[in-house]
Amino acid sequence: MSRVAIKDALTGLANRAAFDDALAERLSSGAAIIAMIDLDCFKPVNDTYGHDAGDEVLKSVAARIVAQLDNRHLVARLGGDEFAILFHPALDSADATRAAKEVVLALQTPFGIANANVTIGASIGVAAAIDGEDSRALKRRADDRLYDAKRGGRGRVWSDLAVLP
């Protein structure tokens, strides 16, 4: 696969195809833990400051997510304001959930754009693969936890283990 085909053009992170390929490979050789990330209150940034400012925020979000994790994990931008993490197999569910909480905390700090500070935040769903589960089912469960987090008040991490405000 060419570099362009596996990288998100805006952020330089892995793209959806690269994430899906890595997840399928991980599941074929054992367990996997993923986090699905959706930014909270991002649309008003584009509406108020324009898409160029929104793009700058997305680049900063990507950098903050990466800064919270070591380079063993795969961070991807799936599209729009959606990101994902494929955690290194050495992490267990509790460690992955704690790492996701650190990402939420990092994204609560305001972003400086267009001579203003904007606060967006993120909600995250974490799921660990169940024996024999395929990538589609695992992503669906992580998405379900993500939307539980949003319904629970945003700026939270929900996992199969725990709910963290």
N, C-alpha and C. Protein backbone atom coordinates (compact mmCIF):
# COMPACT_ATOMS: atom_id res chain seq x y z
N MET A 1 0.85 -1.18 0.00
CA MET A 1 0.00 0.00 0.00
C MET A 1 0.90 1.24 0.00
N SER A 2 0.58 2.23 -0.79
CA SER A 2 1.42 3.43 -0.84
C SER A 2 1.23 4.26 0.42
N ARG A 3 2.22 5.12 0.70
CA ARG A 3 2.18 5.97 1.89
C ARG A 3 0.92 6.82 1.89
N VAL A 4 0.54 7.37 0.74
CA VAL A 4 -0.65 8.21 0.64
C VAL A 4 -1.90 7.41 1.01
N ALA A 5 -1.93 6.15 0.62
CA ALA A 5 -3.12 5.33 0.85
C ALA A 5 -3.28 4.92 2.31
N ILE A 6 -2.23 5.09 3.13
CA ILE A 6 -2.34 4.66 4.52
C ILE A 6 -2.30 5.82 5.51
N LYS A 7 -2.09 7.03 5.03
CA LYS A 7 -1.98 8.20 5.90
C LYS A 7 -3.13 9.17 5.66
N ASP A 8 -3.61 9.77 6.73
CA ASP A 8 -4.57 10.85 6.63
C ASP A 8 -3.82 12.09 6.16
N ALA A 9 -4.29 12.70 5.09
CA ALA A 9 -3.58 13.83 4.48
C ALA A 9 -3.47 15.03 5.42
N LEU A 10 -4.47 15.27 6.24
CA LEU A 10 -4.46 16.45 7.11
C LEU A 10 -3.55 16.27 8.32
N THR A 11 -3.69 15.15 9.01
CA THR A 11 -3.01 14.97 10.29
C THR A 11 -1.72 14.16 10.21
N GLY A 12 -1.55 13.40 9.15
CA GLY A 12 -0.40 12.51 9.06
C GLY A 12 -0.56 11.22 9.84
N LEU A 13 -1.68 11.06 10.53
CA LEU A 13 -1.96 9.81 11.24
C LEU A 13 -2.33 8.72 10.24
N ALA A 14 -2.40 7.51 10.72
CA ALA A 14 -2.94 6.43 9.89
C ALA A 14 -4.38 6.80 9.51
N ASN A 15 -4.84 6.31 8.36
CA ASN A 15 -6.23 6.57 7.97
C ASN A 15 -7.09 5.35 8.30
N ARG A 16 -8.36 5.43 7.94
CA ARG A 16 -9.31 4.35 8.25
C ARG A 16 -8.85 3.01 7.66
N ALA A 17 -8.41 3.01 6.41
CA ALA A 17 -7.98 1.76 5.77
C ALA A 17 -6.80 1.14 6.51
N ALA A 18 -5.83 1.97 6.89
CA ALA A 18 -4.67 1.45 7.62
C ALA A 18 -5.08 0.92 8.98
N PHE A 19 -5.99 1.62 9.65
CA PHE A 19 -6.47 1.16 10.95
C PHE A 19 -7.18 -0.19 10.81
N ASP A 20 -8.08 -0.27 9.83
CA ASP A 20 -8.83 -1.52 9.62
C ASP A 20 -7.89 -2.68 9.31
N ASP A 21 -6.88 -2.44 8.48
CA ASP A 21 -5.91 -3.49 8.14
C ASP A 21 -5.13 -3.94 9.38
N ALA A 22 -4.67 -2.97 10.16
CA ALA A 22 -3.89 -3.30 11.37
C ALA A 22 -4.75 -4.04 12.39
N LEU A 23 -6.01 -3.63 12.52
CA LEU A 23 -6.91 -4.30 13.45
C LEU A 23 -7.18 -5.74 13.02
N ALA A 24 -7.44 -5.94 11.73
CA ALA A 24 -7.69 -7.29 11.23
C ALA A 24 -6.46 -8.18 11.45
N GLU A 25 -5.28 -7.63 11.20
CA GLU A 25 -4.05 -8.39 11.42
C GLU A 25 -3.88 -8.74 12.90
N ARG A 26 -4.13 -7.77 13.76
CA ARG A 26 -4.00 -8.01 15.21
C ARG A 26 -4.97 -9.09 15.66
N LEU A 27 -6.21 -9.01 15.19
CA LEU A 27 -7.21 -10.00 15.60
C LEU A 27 -6.86 -11.40 15.10
N SER A 28 -6.21 -11.47 13.95
CA SER A 28 -5.84 -12.79 13.42
C SER A 28 -4.73 -13.45 14.23
N SER A 29 -3.99 -12.64 14.97
CA SER A 29 -2.89 -13.20 15.75
C SER A 29 -3.13 -13.13 17.26
N GLY A 30 -4.33 -12.75 17.66
CA GLY A 30 -4.61 -12.70 19.10
C GLY A 30 -5.60 -11.62 19.45
N ALA A 31 -5.48 -11.11 20.65
CA ALA A 31 -6.43 -10.15 21.19
C ALA A 31 -6.15 -8.74 20.69
N ALA A 32 -7.16 -7.89 20.82
CA ALA A 32 -7.01 -6.49 20.45
C ALA A 32 -7.88 -5.64 21.37
N ILE A 33 -7.38 -4.46 21.69
CA ILE A 33 -8.15 -3.46 22.44
C ILE A 33 -8.11 -2.18 21.63
N ILE A 34 -9.28 -1.59 21.43
CA ILE A 34 -9.36 -0.36 20.64
C ILE A 34 -10.12 0.71 21.41
N ALA A 35 -9.89 1.94 21.00
CA ALA A 35 -10.64 3.09 21.50
C ALA A 35 -11.17 3.85 20.30
N MET A 36 -12.44 4.20 20.35
CA MET A 36 -13.04 5.06 19.34
C MET A 36 -13.24 6.42 19.99
N ILE A 37 -12.80 7.47 19.31
CA ILE A 37 -12.79 8.82 19.85
C ILE A 37 -13.63 9.72 18.96
N ASP A 38 -14.52 10.48 19.57
CA ASP A 38 -15.31 11.47 18.84
C ASP A 38 -15.19 12.80 19.58
N LEU A 39 -14.86 13.85 18.85
CA LEU A 39 -14.71 15.15 19.48
C LEU A 39 -16.07 15.69 19.89
N ASP A 40 -16.10 16.34 21.03
CA ASP A 40 -17.32 16.98 21.54
C ASP A 40 -17.31 18.45 21.12
N CYS A 41 -18.42 18.92 20.62
CA CYS A 41 -18.59 20.34 20.29
C CYS A 41 -17.60 20.85 19.25
N PHE A 42 -17.27 20.02 18.27
CA PHE A 42 -16.35 20.45 17.22
C PHE A 42 -17.04 21.26 16.13
N LYS A 43 -18.28 20.93 15.80
CA LYS A 43 -18.99 21.62 14.72
C LYS A 43 -19.02 23.14 14.90
N PRO A 44 -19.25 23.65 16.12
CA PRO A 44 -19.23 25.11 16.28
C PRO A 44 -17.89 25.76 15.93
N VAL A 45 -16.80 25.01 16.03
CA VAL A 45 -15.50 25.56 15.64
C VAL A 45 -15.51 25.87 14.15
N ASN A 46 -15.93 24.91 13.34
CA ASN A 46 -16.02 25.14 11.89
C ASN A 46 -17.03 26.24 11.58
N ASP A 47 -18.17 26.21 12.25
CA ASP A 47 -19.23 27.20 11.98
C ASP A 47 -18.80 28.61 12.35
N THR A 48 -18.07 28.76 13.44
CA THR A 48 -17.69 30.09 13.94
C THR A 48 -16.40 30.61 13.31
N TYR A 49 -15.39 29.75 13.19
CA TYR A 49 -14.07 30.20 12.78
C TYR A 49 -13.68 29.77 11.37
N GLY A 50 -14.46 28.88 10.76
CA GLY A 50 -14.17 28.42 9.41
C GLY A 50 -13.44 27.09 9.40
N HIS A 51 -13.44 26.47 8.22
CA HIS A 51 -12.86 25.13 8.09
C HIS A 51 -11.34 25.12 8.21
N ASP A 52 -10.68 26.19 7.82
CA ASP A 52 -9.22 26.23 7.99
C ASP A 52 -8.86 26.18 9.46
N ALA A 53 -9.59 26.93 10.28
CA ALA A 53 -9.36 26.89 11.73
C ALA A 53 -9.70 25.51 12.28
N GLY A 54 -10.79 24.93 11.79
CA GLY A 54 -11.16 23.58 12.21
C GLY A 54 -10.07 22.58 11.87
N ASP A 55 -9.46 22.73 10.69
CA ASP A 55 -8.37 21.83 10.30
C ASP A 55 -7.18 21.98 11.25
N GLU A 56 -6.90 23.20 11.66
CA GLU A 56 -5.79 23.42 12.60
C GLU A 56 -6.08 22.74 13.94
N VAL A 57 -7.33 22.81 14.38
CA VAL A 57 -7.70 22.12 15.62
C VAL A 57 -7.53 20.62 15.45
N LEU A 58 -7.96 20.07 14.32
CA LEU A 58 -7.82 18.62 14.10
C LEU A 58 -6.35 18.20 14.12
N LYS A 59 -5.47 19.01 13.55
CA LYS A 59 -4.04 18.70 13.60
C LYS A 59 -3.53 18.73 15.03
N SER A 60 -3.99 19.71 15.79
CA SER A 60 -3.58 19.80 17.20
C SER A 60 -4.14 18.64 18.02
N VAL A 61 -5.37 18.25 17.73
CA VAL A 61 -5.96 17.09 18.41
C VAL A 61 -5.11 15.86 18.15
N ALA A 62 -4.75 15.64 16.90
CA ALA A 62 -3.92 14.48 16.54
C ALA A 62 -2.62 14.50 17.33
N ALA A 63 -1.98 15.66 17.39
CA ALA A 63 -0.71 15.77 18.11
C ALA A 63 -0.88 15.50 19.60
N ARG A 64 -1.96 15.97 20.18
CA ARG A 64 -2.19 15.73 21.61
C ARG A 64 -2.47 14.26 21.89
N ILE A 65 -3.23 13.61 21.03
CA ILE A 65 -3.49 12.18 21.23
C ILE A 65 -2.17 11.41 21.20
N VAL A 66 -1.38 11.66 20.17
CA VAL A 66 -0.09 10.97 20.02
C VAL A 66 0.81 11.25 21.23
N ALA A 67 0.80 12.48 21.72
CA ALA A 67 1.66 12.86 22.85
C ALA A 67 1.30 12.10 24.13
N GLN A 68 0.06 11.66 24.25
CA GLN A 68 -0.38 10.94 25.45
C GLN A 68 -0.01 9.47 25.42
N LEU A 69 0.40 8.97 24.27
CA LEU A 69 0.65 7.55 24.10
C LEU A 69 2.09 7.33 23.66
N ASP A 70 2.61 6.14 23.93
CA ASP A 70 3.93 5.87 23.38
C ASP A 70 3.75 5.35 21.95
N ASN A 71 4.85 5.21 21.24
CA ASN A 71 4.76 4.91 19.81
C ASN A 71 4.44 3.45 19.50
N ARG A 72 4.13 2.65 20.51
CA ARG A 72 3.73 1.26 20.26
C ARG A 72 2.28 1.17 19.79
N HIS A 73 1.51 2.21 20.01
CA HIS A 73 0.09 2.19 19.69
C HIS A 73 -0.15 2.83 18.32
N LEU A 74 -1.19 2.38 17.63
CA LEU A 74 -1.55 2.96 16.34
C LEU A 74 -2.68 3.96 16.56
N VAL A 75 -2.44 5.22 16.19
CA VAL A 75 -3.46 6.26 16.27
C VAL A 75 -3.89 6.59 14.85
N ALA A 76 -5.19 6.66 14.64
CA ALA A 76 -5.72 6.91 13.29
C ALA A 76 -6.80 7.98 13.33
N ARG A 77 -6.89 8.70 12.22
CA ARG A 77 -8.05 9.57 12.00
C ARG A 77 -8.94 8.82 11.04
N LEU A 78 -10.16 8.53 11.50
CA LEU A 78 -11.09 7.76 10.68
C LEU A 78 -11.83 8.64 9.69
N GLY A 79 -11.92 9.93 9.98
CA GLY A 79 -12.61 10.88 9.12
C GLY A 79 -13.27 11.93 9.99
N GLY A 80 -13.50 13.11 9.42
CA GLY A 80 -14.15 14.18 10.18
C GLY A 80 -13.46 14.40 11.51
N ASP A 81 -14.25 14.32 12.58
CA ASP A 81 -13.69 14.51 13.92
C ASP A 81 -13.65 13.19 14.69
N GLU A 82 -13.46 12.10 13.96
CA GLU A 82 -13.40 10.77 14.57
C GLU A 82 -11.98 10.21 14.47
N PHE A 83 -11.50 9.72 15.61
CA PHE A 83 -10.17 9.14 15.70
C PHE A 83 -10.29 7.77 16.35
N ALA A 84 -9.22 6.99 16.28
CA ALA A 84 -9.22 5.66 16.91
C ALA A 84 -7.81 5.32 17.36
N ILE A 85 -7.75 4.43 18.34
CA ILE A 85 -6.47 3.92 18.83
C ILE A 85 -6.55 2.40 18.83
N LEU A 86 -5.53 1.77 18.28
CA LEU A 86 -5.33 0.33 18.41
C LEU A 86 -4.18 0.18 19.40
N PHE A 87 -4.51 -0.27 20.60
CA PHE A 87 -3.51 -0.35 21.66
C PHE A 87 -2.56 -1.52 21.44
N HIS A 88 -1.34 -1.34 21.87
CA HIS A 88 -0.33 -2.40 21.81
C HIS A 88 -0.82 -3.58 22.64
N PRO A 89 -0.54 -4.80 22.20
CA PRO A 89 -1.04 -5.98 22.92
C PRO A 89 -0.54 -6.11 24.36
N ALA A 90 0.53 -5.40 24.72
CA ALA A 90 1.03 -5.49 26.09
C ALA A 90 0.08 -4.83 27.10
N LEU A 91 -0.80 -3.94 26.63
CA LEU A 91 -1.74 -3.28 27.52
C LEU A 91 -2.95 -4.17 27.76
N ASP A 92 -3.44 -4.15 29.00
CA ASP A 92 -4.70 -4.82 29.28
C ASP A 92 -5.82 -3.78 29.22
N SER A 93 -7.04 -4.22 29.42
CA SER A 93 -8.19 -3.31 29.29
C SER A 93 -8.13 -2.16 30.28
N ALA A 94 -7.70 -2.44 31.50
CA ALA A 94 -7.61 -1.37 32.50
C ALA A 94 -6.58 -0.33 32.10
N ASP A 95 -5.41 -0.77 31.60
CA ASP A 95 -4.38 0.17 31.15
C ASP A 95 -4.86 0.99 29.96
N ALA A 96 -5.55 0.35 29.03
CA ALA A 96 -6.06 1.06 27.86
C ALA A 96 -7.10 2.09 28.27
N THR A 97 -7.95 1.74 29.22
CA THR A 97 -8.97 2.68 29.70
C THR A 97 -8.31 3.87 30.38
N ARG A 98 -7.27 3.62 31.17
CA ARG A 98 -6.54 4.72 31.80
C ARG A 98 -5.87 5.62 30.75
N ALA A 99 -5.28 5.02 29.73
CA ALA A 99 -4.65 5.80 28.66
C ALA A 99 -5.69 6.65 27.94
N ALA A 100 -6.87 6.10 27.71
CA ALA A 100 -7.94 6.86 27.06
C ALA A 100 -8.36 8.04 27.92
N LYS A 101 -8.40 7.86 29.23
CA LYS A 101 -8.74 8.96 30.13
C LYS A 101 -7.71 10.07 30.03
N GLU A 102 -6.44 9.71 29.88
CA GLU A 102 -5.39 10.73 29.71
C GLU A 102 -5.61 11.52 28.42
N VAL A 103 -6.07 10.85 27.38
CA VAL A 103 -6.38 11.53 26.12
C VAL A 103 -7.52 12.52 26.34
N VAL A 104 -8.58 12.09 27.03
CA VAL A 104 -9.71 12.99 27.31
C VAL A 104 -9.21 14.22 28.06
N LEU A 105 -8.40 14.03 29.08
CA LEU A 105 -7.88 15.16 29.85
C LEU A 105 -7.04 16.10 28.99
N ALA A 106 -6.21 15.54 28.12
CA ALA A 106 -5.37 16.37 27.24
C ALA A 106 -6.21 17.21 26.28
N LEU A 107 -7.34 16.66 25.84
CA LEU A 107 -8.17 17.37 24.87
C LEU A 107 -9.11 18.38 25.53
N GLN A 108 -9.14 18.43 26.87
CA GLN A 108 -9.96 19.43 27.56
C GLN A 108 -9.27 20.78 27.62
N THR A 109 -7.96 20.81 27.43
CA THR A 109 -7.23 22.07 27.42
C THR A 109 -7.63 22.85 26.17
N PRO A 110 -7.96 24.14 26.31
CA PRO A 110 -8.39 24.92 25.14
C PRO A 110 -7.33 24.95 24.03
N PHE A 111 -7.82 25.08 22.81
CA PHE A 111 -6.98 25.20 21.61
C PHE A 111 -6.97 26.65 21.19
N GLY A 112 -5.79 27.18 20.90
CA GLY A 112 -5.68 28.55 20.42
C GLY A 112 -5.82 28.60 18.90
N ILE A 113 -6.88 29.25 18.43
CA ILE A 113 -7.09 29.42 16.98
C ILE A 113 -7.68 30.79 16.71
N ALA A 114 -7.33 31.37 15.60
CA ALA A 114 -7.93 32.62 15.12
C ALA A 114 -8.08 33.64 16.25
N ASN A 115 -7.00 33.85 17.00
CA ASN A 115 -7.00 34.81 18.11
C ASN A 115 -8.05 34.51 19.17
N ALA A 116 -8.36 33.25 19.34
CA ALA A 116 -9.34 32.84 20.36
C ALA A 116 -8.90 31.50 20.95
N ASN A 117 -9.44 31.20 22.09
CA ASN A 117 -9.25 29.88 22.70
C ASN A 117 -10.58 29.16 22.63
N VAL A 118 -10.56 27.97 22.06
CA VAL A 118 -11.79 27.17 21.96
C VAL A 118 -11.61 25.87 22.73
N THR A 119 -12.68 25.45 23.38
CA THR A 119 -12.68 24.20 24.12
C THR A 119 -13.61 23.23 23.42
N ILE A 120 -13.10 22.03 23.14
CA ILE A 120 -13.96 21.05 22.49
C ILE A 120 -14.13 19.80 23.34
N GLY A 121 -13.06 19.13 23.68
CA GLY A 121 -13.14 17.90 24.44
C GLY A 121 -13.41 16.69 23.56
N ALA A 122 -13.52 15.53 24.22
CA ALA A 122 -13.75 14.28 23.48
C ALA A 122 -14.44 13.27 24.37
N SER A 123 -15.14 12.37 23.72
CA SER A 123 -15.73 11.20 24.37
C SER A 123 -15.08 9.98 23.73
N ILE A 124 -14.84 8.95 24.56
CA ILE A 124 -14.12 7.78 24.08
C ILE A 124 -14.80 6.51 24.55
N GLY A 125 -14.89 5.55 23.63
CA GLY A 125 -15.36 4.22 23.96
C GLY A 125 -14.23 3.22 23.77
N VAL A 126 -14.03 2.36 24.75
CA VAL A 126 -12.95 1.36 24.72
C VAL A 126 -13.57 -0.02 24.76
N ALA A 127 -13.08 -0.91 23.91
CA ALA A 127 -13.56 -2.30 23.91
C ALA A 127 -12.40 -3.24 23.63
N ALA A 128 -12.44 -4.38 24.31
CA ALA A 128 -11.45 -5.44 24.10
C ALA A 128 -12.14 -6.58 23.35
N ALA A 129 -11.43 -7.14 22.40
CA ALA A 129 -12.00 -8.22 21.59
C ALA A 129 -12.32 -9.44 22.45
N ILE A 130 -13.45 -10.02 22.14
CA ILE A 130 -13.87 -11.27 22.75
C ILE A 130 -13.40 -12.38 21.81
N ASP A 131 -13.03 -13.54 22.35
CA ASP A 131 -12.53 -14.64 21.51
C ASP A 131 -13.41 -14.85 20.28
N GLY A 132 -12.76 -14.84 19.12
CA GLY A 132 -13.46 -15.10 17.87
C GLY A 132 -14.19 -13.90 17.28
N GLU A 133 -14.14 -12.76 17.94
CA GLU A 133 -14.84 -11.57 17.46
C GLU A 133 -14.10 -10.97 16.27
N ASP A 134 -14.86 -10.53 15.26
CA ASP A 134 -14.22 -9.90 14.11
C ASP A 134 -14.12 -8.39 14.33
N SER A 135 -13.41 -7.72 13.43
CA SER A 135 -13.16 -6.29 13.59
C SER A 135 -14.44 -5.47 13.56
N ARG A 136 -15.37 -5.86 12.73
CA ARG A 136 -16.63 -5.11 12.64
C ARG A 136 -17.37 -5.13 13.99
N ALA A 137 -17.46 -6.30 14.60
CA ALA A 137 -18.15 -6.42 15.89
C ALA A 137 -17.42 -5.65 16.99
N LEU A 138 -16.10 -5.73 16.98
CA LEU A 138 -15.32 -5.01 17.99
C LEU A 138 -15.50 -3.50 17.83
N LYS A 139 -15.43 -3.01 16.61
CA LYS A 139 -15.62 -1.57 16.38
C LYS A 139 -17.03 -1.14 16.78
N ARG A 140 -18.02 -1.99 16.52
CA ARG A 140 -19.40 -1.67 16.90
C ARG A 140 -19.51 -1.54 18.43
N ARG A 141 -18.89 -2.47 19.17
CA ARG A 141 -18.94 -2.39 20.63
C ARG A 141 -18.22 -1.15 21.15
N ALA A 142 -17.07 -0.81 20.56
CA ALA A 142 -16.37 0.41 20.97
C ALA A 142 -17.21 1.64 20.66
N ASP A 143 -17.87 1.65 19.50
CA ASP A 143 -18.78 2.75 19.16
C ASP A 143 -19.94 2.83 20.14
N ASP A 144 -20.48 1.68 20.53
CA ASP A 144 -21.57 1.68 21.52
C ASP A 144 -21.11 2.32 22.83
N ARG A 145 -19.89 1.98 23.28
CA ARG A 145 -19.35 2.58 24.51
C ARG A 145 -19.13 4.08 24.30
N LEU A 146 -18.69 4.47 23.10
CA LEU A 146 -18.50 5.89 22.80
C LEU A 146 -19.81 6.65 22.95
N TYR A 147 -20.87 6.13 22.39
CA TYR A 147 -22.15 6.84 22.48
C TYR A 147 -22.74 6.76 23.88
N ASP A 148 -22.41 5.73 24.65
CA ASP A 148 -22.76 5.72 26.07
C ASP A 148 -22.07 6.89 26.77
N ALA A 149 -20.79 7.12 26.44
CA ALA A 149 -20.03 8.22 27.03
C ALA A 149 -20.66 9.56 26.68
N LYS A 150 -21.07 9.73 25.44
CA LYS A 150 -21.70 10.99 25.04
C LYS A 150 -23.02 11.20 25.78
N ARG A 151 -23.81 10.13 25.86
CA ARG A 151 -25.08 10.24 26.59
C ARG A 151 -24.86 10.48 28.08
N GLY A 152 -23.73 10.02 28.59
CA GLY A 152 -23.42 10.19 30.00
C GLY A 152 -22.91 11.57 30.36
N GLY A 153 -22.77 12.44 29.40
CA GLY A 153 -22.37 13.80 29.69
C GLY A 153 -21.15 14.30 28.94
N ARG A 154 -20.67 13.56 27.98
CA ARG A 154 -19.52 13.94 27.17
C ARG A 154 -18.26 14.08 28.02
N GLY A 155 -17.12 14.13 27.36
CA GLY A 155 -15.87 14.26 28.08
C GLY A 155 -15.59 13.08 28.99
N ARG A 156 -16.03 11.90 28.59
CA ARG A 156 -15.90 10.70 29.42
C ARG A 156 -15.31 9.56 28.61
N VAL A 157 -14.85 8.57 29.35
CA VAL A 157 -14.41 7.31 28.76
C VAL A 157 -15.34 6.23 29.29
N TRP A 158 -15.92 5.46 28.38
CA TRP A 158 -16.70 4.29 28.77
C TRP A 158 -16.02 3.08 28.16
N SER A 159 -15.91 2.05 28.96
CA SER A 159 -15.34 0.81 28.46
C SER A 159 -16.18 -0.35 28.98
N ASP A 160 -15.80 -1.53 28.56
CA ASP A 160 -16.48 -2.71 29.07
C ASP A 160 -16.19 -2.89 30.56
N LEU A 161 -15.15 -2.22 31.06
CA LEU A 161 -14.76 -2.35 32.46
C LEU A 161 -15.41 -1.31 33.36
N ALA A 162 -15.41 -0.05 32.89
CA ALA A 162 -15.78 1.03 33.79
C ALA A 162 -16.21 2.27 33.03
N VAL A 163 -16.83 3.17 33.77
CA VAL A 163 -17.18 4.48 33.26
C VAL A 163 -16.32 5.48 34.01
N LEU A 164 -15.58 6.30 33.29
CA LEU A 164 -14.71 7.28 33.93
C LEU A 164 -15.13 8.68 33.53
N PRO A 165 -15.49 9.50 34.51
CA PRO A 165 -15.86 10.90 34.18
C PRO A 165 -14.65 11.71 33.79
